[in-house]
Amino acid sequence: NGRLEHLRGTALGFRNLTNYIARCLLKSGGFRNQLHP
C-alpha cells in the first residue's frame, strides 16, 4: 500500500513539475522561440 501511495505521489509531483515548466515557458515566450528559432 505504501508503495502505491509513493508512486501516486511521484506521478502527481511530475505532473505539477511539467505544468510549472510549461507555465514558465509560456510566460517568458521561450516556448514559441524554441519552436521557431
N, C-alpha and C. Protein backbone atom coordinates (compact mmCIF):
# COMPACT_ATOMS: atom_id res chain seq x y z
N ASN A 1 0.83 -1.20 0.00
CA ASN A 1 0.00 0.00 0.00
C ASN A 1 0.87 1.25 0.00
N GLY A 2 1.92 1.24 0.82
CA GLY A 2 2.81 2.39 0.88
C GLY A 2 3.48 2.65 -0.47
N ARG A 3 3.77 1.55 -1.17
CA ARG A 3 4.43 1.69 -2.46
C ARG A 3 3.50 2.38 -3.46
N LEU A 4 2.23 1.98 -3.42
CA LEU A 4 1.27 2.58 -4.34
C LEU A 4 1.13 4.08 -4.07
N GLU A 5 1.08 4.43 -2.79
CA GLU A 5 0.97 5.84 -2.43
C GLU A 5 2.20 6.61 -2.91
N HIS A 6 3.37 5.99 -2.80
CA HIS A 6 4.60 6.65 -3.23
C HIS A 6 4.57 6.90 -4.74
N LEU A 7 4.12 5.90 -5.49
CA LEU A 7 4.06 6.05 -6.95
C LEU A 7 3.06 7.14 -7.32
N ARG A 8 1.94 7.17 -6.60
CA ARG A 8 0.92 8.19 -6.88
C ARG A 8 1.47 9.58 -6.59
N GLY A 9 2.19 9.71 -5.48
CA GLY A 9 2.78 11.00 -5.13
C GLY A 9 3.81 11.43 -6.16
N THR A 10 4.60 10.48 -6.65
CA THR A 10 5.61 10.80 -7.65
C THR A 10 4.95 11.26 -8.94
N ALA A 11 3.87 10.59 -9.34
CA ALA A 11 3.17 10.95 -10.57
C ALA A 11 2.59 12.35 -10.45
N LEU A 12 1.99 12.65 -9.30
CA LEU A 12 1.41 13.98 -9.10
C LEU A 12 2.51 15.04 -9.11
N GLY A 13 3.63 14.74 -8.47
CA GLY A 13 4.73 15.69 -8.44
C GLY A 13 5.26 15.95 -9.85
N PHE A 14 5.37 14.89 -10.65
CA PHE A 14 5.87 15.05 -12.02
C PHE A 14 4.90 15.89 -12.84
N ARG A 15 3.60 15.66 -12.64
CA ARG A 15 2.59 16.43 -13.39
C ARG A 15 2.66 17.90 -13.00
N ASN A 16 2.82 18.16 -11.69
CA ASN A 16 2.91 19.55 -11.24
C ASN A 16 4.15 20.21 -11.81
N LEU A 17 5.27 19.46 -11.84
CA LEU A 17 6.52 20.00 -12.36
C LEU A 17 6.37 20.33 -13.84
N THR A 18 5.70 19.45 -14.58
CA THR A 18 5.50 19.68 -16.02
C THR A 18 4.66 20.93 -16.23
N ASN A 19 3.59 21.07 -15.45
CA ASN A 19 2.73 22.25 -15.58
C ASN A 19 3.51 23.52 -15.24
N TYR A 20 4.36 23.43 -14.19
CA TYR A 20 5.14 24.59 -13.77
C TYR A 20 6.09 25.02 -14.88
N ILE A 21 6.78 24.05 -15.48
CA ILE A 21 7.73 24.37 -16.55
C ILE A 21 6.98 24.95 -17.75
N ALA A 22 5.84 24.36 -18.09
CA ALA A 22 5.08 24.84 -19.24
C ALA A 22 4.62 26.27 -19.01
N ARG A 23 4.16 26.56 -17.80
CA ARG A 23 3.70 27.93 -17.49
C ARG A 23 4.84 28.91 -17.60
N CYS A 24 6.01 28.53 -17.07
CA CYS A 24 7.17 29.43 -17.12
C CYS A 24 7.56 29.70 -18.57
N LEU A 25 7.54 28.66 -19.40
CA LEU A 25 7.92 28.84 -20.81
C LEU A 25 6.90 29.72 -21.52
N LEU A 26 5.61 29.50 -21.25
CA LEU A 26 4.59 30.31 -21.91
C LEU A 26 4.68 31.76 -21.46
N LYS A 27 4.96 31.97 -20.17
CA LYS A 27 5.05 33.33 -19.64
C LYS A 27 6.21 34.08 -20.28
N SER A 28 7.36 33.42 -20.38
CA SER A 28 8.56 34.09 -20.90
C SER A 28 8.56 34.12 -22.43
N GLY A 29 7.70 33.32 -23.06
CA GLY A 29 7.66 33.28 -24.51
C GLY A 29 8.77 32.40 -25.07
N GLY A 30 9.50 31.70 -24.19
CA GLY A 30 10.60 30.85 -24.65
C GLY A 30 10.10 29.68 -25.47
N PHE A 31 8.90 29.20 -25.16
CA PHE A 31 8.35 28.05 -25.88
C PHE A 31 8.18 28.39 -27.36
N ARG A 32 7.68 29.57 -27.63
CA ARG A 32 7.46 29.98 -29.02
C ARG A 32 8.80 30.14 -29.74
N ASN A 33 9.79 30.69 -29.03
CA ASN A 33 11.10 30.88 -29.63
C ASN A 33 11.76 29.54 -29.93
N GLN A 34 11.54 28.53 -29.08
CA GLN A 34 12.13 27.22 -29.31
C GLN A 34 11.50 26.54 -30.51
N LEU A 35 10.20 26.75 -30.72
CA LEU A 35 9.52 26.12 -31.85
C LEU A 35 9.98 26.76 -33.16
N HIS A 36 10.21 28.08 -33.15
CA HIS A 36 10.63 28.78 -34.36
C HIS A 36 11.90 29.58 -34.06
N PRO A 37 13.06 28.95 -34.16
CA PRO A 37 14.33 29.63 -33.84
C PRO A 37 14.71 30.67 -34.90
